[in-house]
């Protein structure tokens, strides 16, 4: 029973962490595109720059996660890029 409860708590933590990475990057990517929309004429450049800027908050969160857990997650960075895109 305790192992099942521990697995449920860990799954809940993973879901919350995934949601934070995806959500923060999506919001940052959206606003980055809005801010640079008038600056860059090429829509391709806007998407690339907004995605890169949108990835920054999730990458910073990954630094915090790394300091707390001592592990780097490629999945979290993929969620950051997906959210920012």
Protein backbone atom coordinates (compact mmCIF):
# COMPACT_ATOMS: atom_id res chain seq x y z
CA UNK A 1 0.00 0.00 0.00
CA UNK A 2 2.75 2.43 0.92
CA UNK A 3 4.55 1.81 -2.38
CA UNK A 4 1.34 2.51 -4.31
CA UNK A 5 0.79 5.74 -2.37
CA UNK A 6 4.40 6.77 -2.97
CA UNK A 7 4.01 6.08 -6.71
CA UNK A 8 0.82 8.14 -6.80
CA UNK A 9 2.50 11.07 -5.08
CA UNK A 10 5.48 10.86 -7.46
CA UNK A 11 3.15 10.73 -10.49
CA UNK A 12 1.29 13.77 -9.16
CA UNK A 13 4.59 15.64 -8.72
CA UNK A 14 5.61 14.72 -12.28
CA UNK A 15 2.29 15.95 -13.66
CA UNK A 16 2.62 19.24 -11.78
CA UNK A 17 6.24 19.65 -12.93
CA UNK A 18 5.31 18.87 -16.56
CA UNK A 19 2.42 21.32 -16.40
CA UNK A 20 4.68 24.05 -15.05
CA UNK A 21 7.29 23.53 -17.77
CA UNK A 22 4.71 23.43 -20.56
CA UNK A 23 2.52 26.22 -19.19
CA UNK A 24 5.25 28.72 -18.34
CA UNK A 25 6.89 28.25 -21.71
CA UNK A 26 3.58 28.54 -23.58
CA UNK A 27 2.78 31.84 -21.88
CA UNK A 28 6.30 33.17 -22.40
CA UNK A 29 6.30 32.10 -26.07
CA UNK A 30 2.93 33.74 -26.69
CA UNK A 31 3.96 37.06 -25.16
CA UNK A 32 7.38 36.94 -26.82
CA UNK A 33 5.70 36.64 -30.20
CA UNK A 34 3.33 39.50 -29.36
CA UNK A 35 6.22 41.74 -28.33
CA UNK A 36 8.43 41.00 -31.35
CA UNK A 37 5.59 40.82 -33.89
CA UNK A 38 6.18 44.36 -35.15
CA UNK A 39 9.98 44.10 -34.98
CA UNK A 40 10.61 41.13 -37.27
CA UNK A 41 9.08 41.04 -40.76
CA UNK A 42 9.60 37.33 -41.37
CA UNK A 43 7.08 35.05 -39.67
CA UNK A 44 9.71 32.29 -39.60
CA UNK A 45 12.10 34.50 -37.67
CA UNK A 46 9.31 35.51 -35.27
CA UNK A 47 8.53 31.87 -34.53
CA UNK A 48 12.18 30.98 -33.93
CA UNK A 49 12.91 34.00 -31.73
CA UNK A 50 9.64 33.66 -29.78
CA UNK A 51 10.29 29.95 -29.22
CA UNK A 52 13.80 30.64 -27.97
CA UNK A 53 12.60 33.42 -25.66
CA UNK A 54 9.65 31.32 -24.53
CA UNK A 55 11.97 28.49 -23.55
CA UNK A 56 13.90 30.67 -21.08
CA UNK A 57 11.46 30.46 -18.10
CA UNK A 58 11.25 26.67 -18.40
CA UNK A 59 15.02 26.41 -18.70
CA UNK A 60 15.38 28.49 -15.54
CA UNK A 61 12.91 26.19 -13.80
CA UNK A 62 15.03 23.24 -14.94
CA UNK A 63 18.07 24.87 -13.29
CA UNK A 64 16.08 25.07 -10.04
CA UNK A 65 14.97 21.44 -10.46
CA UNK A 66 18.60 20.44 -11.06
CA UNK A 67 19.75 22.21 -7.91
CA UNK A 68 16.98 20.54 -5.87
CA UNK A 69 17.17 17.04 -7.36
CA UNK A 70 20.63 16.86 -8.90
CA UNK A 71 19.21 15.61 -12.19
CA UNK A 72 18.68 17.22 -15.59
CA UNK A 73 15.54 16.24 -17.52
CA UNK A 74 15.57 16.19 -21.31
CA UNK A 75 11.81 15.61 -21.17
CA UNK A 76 11.32 18.87 -19.28
CA UNK A 77 13.35 20.78 -21.88
CA UNK A 78 11.28 19.18 -24.64
CA UNK A 79 8.14 20.35 -22.83
CA UNK A 80 9.65 23.83 -22.60
CA UNK A 81 10.27 23.96 -26.35
CA UNK A 82 6.85 22.49 -27.15
CA UNK A 83 5.09 24.99 -24.92
CA UNK A 84 7.04 27.92 -26.32
CA UNK A 85 6.35 26.85 -29.91
